[in-house]
Amino acid sequence: MADDLAKVEKRTVQYYFSDGIPEMAWSVASFLLALYFLALATARPRTPWAFVLNVALLPLFILGGWAVNAVTRALKQRLTYPRTGYVSYRKPEGQQRVRRAALAGGATGLLAAILAVVLSRSASGLARMPLLSGLAFAPVFVLLAGRAGAARLYILAAVSAAAGIGLGLSGWGDLPGLAVFYGVVAASLFVSGFLACRRYLRENRLPDEAAR
């Protein structure tokens, strides 16, 4: 029974990633982060604008999560469900939602704390934040690639690690490095998702298109 449930869960994850739409949606959130760190890198310190940016990280994460869900839902309703149907995912129960929200908030708070500590130190030599971000994203992509059976996500893992290491050694500093890192991730996600979506649309035509 457990094996059957595991197989169903794996097929559900594979279906979710089969159209490339999640990657295109994630590219929106990554692009927002790239703009954020670019603005933070160019803001003059100890100004009202710099203060606003420093406290905007959590709202930006919330906005990014909303953007990912909105873009994914809109594109799947327009492109995926008319072709291969709709799969309803079991929503987490109350305690699970609270637990996930707490984990998300804790992760955001930890990232903000690490960012504050790093920025409080003199940036010399190694840019820590791009390096840490690249090495943190890579295993996430590897895990998703294994669960979704999508080899293209392994490429994204390699791009993430290479970008993080390269920017960490570039000498550009943390904030410019983070802006470039998330820009690279956004572009890579969009290209990966776009190519997968184009193949999905070619292989899964609408009923009236297939009848022609």
C-alpha atoms as a PDB file:
ATOM      1  CA  MET A   1       0.000   0.000   0.000  1.00  0.00           C
ATOM      2  CA  ALA A   2       2.806   2.365   0.904  1.00  0.00           C
ATOM      3  CA  ASP A   3       4.557   1.569  -2.389  1.00  0.00           C
ATOM      4  CA  ASP A   4       1.370   2.345  -4.316  1.00  0.00           C
ATOM      5  CA  LEU A   5       0.999   5.674  -2.534  1.00  0.00           C
ATOM      6  CA  ALA A   6       4.638   6.498  -3.247  1.00  0.00           C
ATOM      7  CA  LYS A   7       4.136   5.704  -6.933  1.00  0.00           C
ATOM      8  CA  VAL A   8       1.008   7.872  -7.083  1.00  0.00           C
ATOM      9  CA  GLU A   9       2.852  10.729  -5.389  1.00  0.00           C
ATOM     10  CA  LYS A  10       5.772  10.422  -7.800  1.00  0.00           C
ATOM     11  CA  ARG A  11       3.461  10.411 -10.829  1.00  0.00           C
ATOM     12  CA  THR A  12       1.717  13.485  -9.425  1.00  0.00           C
ATOM     13  CA  VAL A  13       5.032  15.320  -9.063  1.00  0.00           C
ATOM     14  CA  GLN A  14       6.064  14.243 -12.577  1.00  0.00           C
ATOM     15  CA  TYR A  15       2.773  15.524 -13.968  1.00  0.00           C
ATOM     16  CA  TYR A  16       3.211  18.814 -12.131  1.00  0.00           C
ATOM     17  CA  PHE A  17       6.613  19.414 -13.721  1.00  0.00           C
ATOM     18  CA  SER A  18       5.874  17.887 -17.130  1.00  0.00           C
ATOM     19  CA  ASP A  19       4.811  21.176 -18.742  1.00  0.00           C
ATOM     20  CA  GLY A  20       7.699  23.348 -17.532  1.00  0.00           C
ATOM     21  CA  ILE A  21       5.295  25.898 -16.085  1.00  0.00           C
ATOM     22  CA  PRO A  22       6.627  25.707 -12.497  1.00  0.00           C
ATOM     23  CA  GLU A  23      10.069  26.764 -13.690  1.00  0.00           C
ATOM     24  CA  MET A  24       8.678  29.730 -15.604  1.00  0.00           C
ATOM     25  CA  ALA A  25       6.717  30.738 -12.513  1.00  0.00           C
ATOM     26  CA  TRP A  26       9.793  30.418 -10.301  1.00  0.00           C
ATOM     27  CA  SER A  27      11.688  32.589 -12.753  1.00  0.00           C
ATOM     28  CA  VAL A  28       9.316  35.429 -11.845  1.00  0.00           C
ATOM     29  CA  ALA A  29      10.187  35.136  -8.144  1.00  0.00           C
ATOM     30  CA  SER A  30      13.907  34.885  -8.929  1.00  0.00           C
ATOM     31  CA  PHE A  31      13.679  37.977 -11.125  1.00  0.00           C
ATOM     32  CA  LEU A  32      12.015  39.897  -8.281  1.00  0.00           C
ATOM     33  CA  LEU A  33      14.870  38.884  -5.982  1.00  0.00           C
ATOM     34  CA  ALA A  34      17.414  39.968  -8.588  1.00  0.00           C
ATOM     35  CA  LEU A  35      15.779  43.405  -8.759  1.00  0.00           C
ATOM     36  CA  TYR A  36      15.672  43.589  -4.965  1.00  0.00           C
ATOM     37  CA  PHE A  37      19.356  42.858  -4.474  1.00  0.00           C
ATOM     38  CA  LEU A  38      20.253  45.189  -7.339  1.00  0.00           C
ATOM     39  CA  ALA A  39      18.326  47.988  -5.653  1.00  0.00           C
ATOM     40  CA  LEU A  40      19.953  47.154  -2.319  1.00  0.00           C
ATOM     41  CA  ALA A  41      23.394  47.139  -3.905  1.00  0.00           C
ATOM     42  CA  THR A  42      22.909  50.568  -5.481  1.00  0.00           C
ATOM     43  CA  ALA A  43      21.146  52.218  -2.524  1.00  0.00           C
ATOM     44  CA  ARG A  44      23.147  54.686  -0.499  1.00  0.00           C
ATOM     45  CA  PRO A  45      23.637  53.426   3.067  1.00  0.00           C
ATOM     46  CA  ARG A  46      21.772  54.997   5.986  1.00  0.00           C
ATOM     47  CA  THR A  47      19.086  56.540   3.810  1.00  0.00           C
ATOM     48  CA  PRO A  48      15.307  56.025   4.081  1.00  0.00           C
ATOM     49  CA  TRP A  49      15.348  54.036   0.834  1.00  0.00           C
ATOM     50  CA  ALA A  50      18.022  51.702   2.205  1.00  0.00           C
ATOM     51  CA  PHE A  51      15.970  51.218   5.375  1.00  0.00           C
ATOM     52  CA  VAL A  52      12.857  50.363   3.369  1.00  0.00           C
ATOM     53  CA  LEU A  53      14.795  47.830   1.329  1.00  0.00           C
ATOM     54  CA  ASN A  54      16.287  46.233   4.429  1.00  0.00           C
ATOM     55  CA  VAL A  55      12.851  45.569   5.934  1.00  0.00           C
ATOM     56  CA  ALA A  56      11.257  44.544   2.625  1.00  0.00           C
ATOM     57  CA  LEU A  57      12.770  41.066   2.402  1.00  0.00           C
ATOM     58  CA  LEU A  58       9.910  39.218   4.120  1.00  0.00           C
ATOM     59  CA  PRO A  59       7.163  41.015   2.143  1.00  0.00           C
ATOM     60  CA  LEU A  60       9.140  40.276  -1.016  1.00  0.00           C
ATOM     61  CA  PHE A  61       9.220  36.571  -0.188  1.00  0.00           C
ATOM     62  CA  ILE A  62       5.463  36.655   0.358  1.00  0.00           C
ATOM     63  CA  LEU A  63       4.980  38.518  -2.933  1.00  0.00           C
ATOM     64  CA  GLY A  64       7.238  36.043  -4.702  1.00  0.00           C
ATOM     65  CA  GLY A  65       5.284  33.095  -3.336  1.00  0.00           C
ATOM     66  CA  TRP A  66       2.021  34.683  -4.426  1.00  0.00           C
ATOM     67  CA  ALA A  67       3.454  35.400  -7.895  1.00  0.00           C
ATOM     68  CA  VAL A  68       4.623  31.798  -8.298  1.00  0.00           C
ATOM     69  CA  ASN A  69       1.206  30.420  -7.361  1.00  0.00           C
ATOM     70  CA  ALA A  70      -0.661  32.936  -9.518  1.00  0.00           C
ATOM     71  CA  VAL A  71       1.476  32.418 -12.630  1.00  0.00           C
ATOM     72  CA  THR A  72       1.454  28.629 -12.234  1.00  0.00           C
ATOM     73  CA  ARG A  73      -2.309  28.491 -11.791  1.00  0.00           C
ATOM     74  CA  ALA A  74      -3.044  30.848 -14.689  1.00  0.00           C
ATOM     75  CA  LEU A  75      -0.750  29.067 -17.165  1.00  0.00           C
ATOM     76  CA  LYS A  76      -1.875  25.581 -16.189  1.00  0.00           C
ATOM     77  CA  GLN A  77      -5.542  26.554 -16.542  1.00  0.00           C
ATOM     78  CA  ARG A  78      -4.829  27.961 -19.982  1.00  0.00           C
ATOM     79  CA  LEU A  79      -2.348  25.411 -21.337  1.00  0.00           C
ATOM     80  CA  THR A  80      -2.214  22.210 -19.304  1.00  0.00           C
ATOM     81  CA  TYR A  81      -5.663  21.292 -18.040  1.00  0.00           C
ATOM     82  CA  PRO A  82      -7.416  21.564 -21.436  1.00  0.00           C
ATOM     83  CA  ARG A  83      -4.893  19.043 -22.813  1.00  0.00           C
ATOM     84  CA  THR A  84      -4.209  16.468 -20.119  1.00  0.00           C
ATOM     85  CA  GLY A  85      -6.782  17.208 -17.446  1.00  0.00           C
ATOM     86  CA  TYR A  86      -6.725  18.562 -13.938  1.00  0.00           C
ATOM     87  CA  VAL A  87      -5.082  16.792 -11.001  1.00  0.00           C
ATOM     88  CA  SER A  88      -6.299  17.881  -7.594  1.00  0.00           C
ATOM     89  CA  TYR A  89      -3.615  17.888  -4.928  1.00  0.00           C
ATOM     90  CA  ARG A  90      -4.636  17.132  -1.371  1.00  0.00           C
ATOM     91  CA  LYS A  91      -4.361  20.344   0.585  1.00  0.00           C
ATOM     92  CA  PRO A  92      -2.475  20.235   3.875  1.00  0.00           C
ATOM     93  CA  GLU A  93      -4.582  20.183   7.022  1.00  0.00           C
ATOM     94  CA  GLY A  94      -4.622  22.983   9.557  1.00  0.00           C
ATOM     95  CA  GLN A  95      -1.624  21.870  11.604  1.00  0.00           C
ATOM     96  CA  GLN A  96       0.378  21.137   8.461  1.00  0.00           C
ATOM     97  CA  ARG A  97      -0.354  24.611   7.112  1.00  0.00           C
ATOM     98  CA  VAL A  98       0.745  26.201  10.376  1.00  0.00           C
ATOM     99  CA  ARG A  99       3.890  24.068  10.417  1.00  0.00           C
ATOM    100  CA  ARG A 100       4.769  24.955   6.831  1.00  0.00           C
ATOM    101  CA  ALA A 101       4.100  28.648   7.447  1.00  0.00           C
ATOM    102  CA  ALA A 102       6.323  28.515  10.523  1.00  0.00           C
ATOM    103  CA  LEU A 103       9.088  26.793   8.550  1.00  0.00           C
ATOM    104  CA  ALA A 104       8.808  29.359   5.759  1.00  0.00           C
ATOM    105  CA  GLY A 105       8.910  32.222   8.238  1.00  0.00           C
ATOM    106  CA  GLY A 106      11.842  30.667  10.071  1.00  0.00           C
ATOM    107  CA  ALA A 107      13.763  30.156   6.839  1.00  0.00           C
ATOM    108  CA  THR A 108      13.100  33.747   5.831  1.00  0.00           C
ATOM    109  CA  GLY A 109      14.178  35.022   9.222  1.00  0.00           C
ATOM    110  CA  LEU A 110      17.342  32.920   9.103  1.00  0.00           C
ATOM    111  CA  LEU A 111      18.167  34.230   5.637  1.00  0.00           C
ATOM    112  CA  ALA A 112      17.592  37.798   6.805  1.00  0.00           C
ATOM    113  CA  ALA A 113      19.807  37.228   9.849  1.00  0.00           C
ATOM    114  CA  ILE A 114      22.591  35.706   7.750  1.00  0.00           C
ATOM    115  CA  LEU A 115      22.285  38.565   5.275  1.00  0.00           C
ATOM    116  CA  ALA A 116      22.508  41.128   8.068  1.00  0.00           C
ATOM    117  CA  VAL A 117      25.597  39.453   9.569  1.00  0.00           C
ATOM    118  CA  VAL A 118      27.323  39.182   6.211  1.00  0.00           C
ATOM    119  CA  LEU A 119      26.573  42.767   5.262  1.00  0.00           C
ATOM    120  CA  SER A 120      27.853  44.005   8.618  1.00  0.00           C
ATOM    121  CA  ARG A 121      31.285  42.619   7.849  1.00  0.00           C
ATOM    122  CA  SER A 122      33.749  44.039   5.409  1.00  0.00           C
ATOM    123  CA  ALA A 123      33.410  42.352   2.019  1.00  0.00           C
ATOM    124  CA  SER A 124      36.911  41.305   1.057  1.00  0.00           C
ATOM    125  CA  GLY A 125      37.828  38.448  -1.202  1.00  0.00           C
ATOM    126  CA  LEU A 126      35.173  35.762  -1.164  1.00  0.00           C
ATOM    127  CA  ALA A 127      31.553  36.833  -1.666  1.00  0.00           C
ATOM    128  CA  ARG A 128      29.803  34.516   0.758  1.00  0.00           C
ATOM    129  CA  MET A 129      26.141  35.027  -0.082  1.00  0.00           C
ATOM    130  CA  PRO A 130      26.255  34.183  -3.817  1.00  0.00           C
ATOM    131  CA  LEU A 131      28.394  31.160  -2.973  1.00  0.00           C
ATOM    132  CA  LEU A 132      26.028  29.962  -0.235  1.00  0.00           C
ATOM    133  CA  SER A 133      22.977  30.605  -2.402  1.00  0.00           C
ATOM    134  CA  GLY A 134      24.395  28.648  -5.330  1.00  0.00           C
ATOM    135  CA  LEU A 135      25.412  25.709  -3.163  1.00  0.00           C
ATOM    136  CA  ALA A 136      22.036  25.741  -1.382  1.00  0.00           C
ATOM    137  CA  PHE A 137      19.956  25.832  -4.577  1.00  0.00           C
ATOM    138  CA  ALA A 138      21.892  23.029  -6.277  1.00  0.00           C
ATOM    139  CA  PRO A 139      20.789  20.140  -3.993  1.00  0.00           C
ATOM    140  CA  VAL A 140      17.187  21.412  -4.113  1.00  0.00           C
ATOM    141  CA  PHE A 141      17.220  21.134  -7.905  1.00  0.00           C
ATOM    142  CA  VAL A 142      18.840  17.690  -7.661  1.00  0.00           C
ATOM    143  CA  LEU A 143      16.126  16.522  -5.257  1.00  0.00           C
ATOM    144  CA  LEU A 144      13.373  17.878  -7.497  1.00  0.00           C
ATOM    145  CA  ALA A 145      14.984  16.303 -10.557  1.00  0.00           C
ATOM    146  CA  GLY A 146      14.915  12.899  -8.908  1.00  0.00           C
ATOM    147  CA  ARG A 147      11.319  13.202  -7.751  1.00  0.00           C
ATOM    148  CA  ALA A 148      10.018  14.692 -10.988  1.00  0.00           C
ATOM    149  CA  GLY A 149      12.092  12.535 -13.331  1.00  0.00           C
ATOM    150  CA  ALA A 150      13.148  15.716 -15.146  1.00  0.00           C
ATOM    151  CA  ALA A 151      16.779  15.635 -16.274  1.00  0.00           C
ATOM    152  CA  ARG A 152      16.661  19.340 -17.129  1.00  0.00           C
ATOM    153  CA  LEU A 153      16.564  20.135 -13.412  1.00  0.00           C
ATOM    154  CA  TYR A 154      20.006  18.557 -13.020  1.00  0.00           C
ATOM    155  CA  ILE A 155      21.250  21.153 -15.502  1.00  0.00           C
ATOM    156  CA  LEU A 156      19.702  23.878 -13.347  1.00  0.00           C
ATOM    157  CA  ALA A 157      21.532  22.415 -10.333  1.00  0.00           C
ATOM    158  CA  ALA A 158      24.832  22.628 -12.204  1.00  0.00           C
ATOM    159  CA  VAL A 159      24.089  26.186 -13.340  1.00  0.00           C
ATOM    160  CA  SER A 160      23.230  27.206  -9.773  1.00  0.00           C
ATOM    161  CA  ALA A 161      26.404  25.726  -8.314  1.00  0.00           C
ATOM    162  CA  ALA A 162      28.609  27.140 -11.082  1.00  0.00           C
ATOM    163  CA  ALA A 163      27.053  30.611 -10.797  1.00  0.00           C
ATOM    164  CA  GLY A 164      27.396  30.620  -7.025  1.00  0.00           C
ATOM    165  CA  ILE A 165      31.039  29.539  -7.097  1.00  0.00           C
ATOM    166  CA  GLY A 166      31.921  31.885  -9.950  1.00  0.00           C
ATOM    167  CA  LEU A 167      30.269  34.902  -8.341  1.00  0.00           C
ATOM    168  CA  GLY A 168      31.712  34.000  -4.955  1.00  0.00           C
ATOM    169  CA  LEU A 169      35.197  34.202  -6.456  1.00  0.00           C
ATOM    170  CA  SER A 170      34.476  37.188  -8.694  1.00  0.00           C
ATOM    171  CA  GLY A 171      35.283  39.824  -6.113  1.00  0.00           C
ATOM    172  CA  TRP A 172      32.067  41.737  -6.893  1.00  0.00           C
ATOM    173  CA  GLY A 173      30.801  41.551  -3.338  1.00  0.00           C
ATOM    174  CA  ASP A 174      27.696  40.039  -1.803  1.00  0.00           C
ATOM    175  CA  LEU A 175      24.885  42.288  -2.990  1.00  0.00           C
ATOM    176  CA  PRO A 176      25.948  42.698  -6.639  1.00  0.00           C
ATOM    177  CA  GLY A 177      26.783  39.003  -6.674  1.00  0.00           C
ATOM    178  CA  LEU A 178      23.330  38.093  -5.358  1.00  0.00           C
ATOM    179  CA  ALA A 179      21.668  40.334  -7.942  1.00  0.00           C
ATOM    180  CA  VAL A 180      23.568  38.622 -10.749  1.00  0.00           C
ATOM    181  CA  PHE A 181      23.039  35.173  -9.226  1.00  0.00           C
ATOM    182  CA  TYR A 182      19.261  35.514  -9.069  1.00  0.00           C
ATOM    183  CA  GLY A 183      19.268  37.023 -12.542  1.00  0.00           C
ATOM    184  CA  VAL A 184      21.137  33.977 -13.857  1.00  0.00           C
ATOM    185  CA  VAL A 185      18.772  31.644 -12.005  1.00  0.00           C
ATOM    186  CA  ALA A 186      15.732  33.522 -13.345  1.00  0.00           C
ATOM    187  CA  ALA A 187      16.983  33.311 -16.931  1.00  0.00           C
ATOM    188  CA  SER A 188      17.913  29.626 -16.574  1.00  0.00           C
ATOM    189  CA  LEU A 189      14.552  28.752 -15.049  1.00  0.00           C
ATOM    190  CA  PHE A 190      12.657  30.574 -17.771  1.00  0.00           C
ATOM    191  CA  VAL A 191      14.622  28.967 -20.618  1.00  0.00           C
ATOM    192  CA  SER A 192      14.285  25.503 -19.069  1.00  0.00           C
ATOM    193  CA  GLY A 193      10.569  25.934 -18.474  1.00  0.00           C
ATOM    194  CA  PHE A 194       9.922  27.480 -21.890  1.00  0.00           C
ATOM    195  CA  LEU A 195      11.635  24.644 -23.759  1.00  0.00           C
ATOM    196  CA  ALA A 196       9.811  22.027 -21.681  1.00  0.00           C
ATOM    197  CA  CYS A 197       6.499  23.806 -22.216  1.00  0.00           C
ATOM    198  CA  ARG A 198       7.038  24.024 -25.961  1.00  0.00           C
ATOM    199  CA  ARG A 199       7.741  20.290 -26.120  1.00  0.00           C
ATOM    200  CA  TYR A 200       4.713  19.569 -23.929  1.00  0.00           C
ATOM    201  CA  LEU A 201       2.401  21.604 -26.176  1.00  0.00           C
ATOM    202  CA  ARG A 202       3.781  19.876 -29.261  1.00  0.00           C
ATOM    203  CA  GLU A 203       3.235  16.415 -27.780  1.00  0.00           C
ATOM    204  CA  ASN A 204      -0.148  17.154 -26.187  1.00  0.00           C
ATOM    205  CA  ARG A 205      -2.366  18.948 -28.648  1.00  0.00           C
ATOM    206  CA  LEU A 206      -5.894  20.110 -27.972  1.00  0.00           C
ATOM    207  CA  PRO A 207      -8.606  17.707 -29.167  1.00  0.00           C
ATOM    208  CA  ASP A 208      -9.642  19.952 -32.064  1.00  0.00           C
ATOM    209  CA  GLU A 209      -5.987  20.398 -33.094  1.00  0.00           C
ATOM    210  CA  ALA A 210      -5.317  16.648 -33.027  1.00  0.00           C
ATOM    211  CA  ALA A 211      -8.384  15.979 -35.179  1.00  0.00           C
ATOM    212  CA  ARG A 212      -7.095  18.159 -38.015  1.00  0.00           C
END
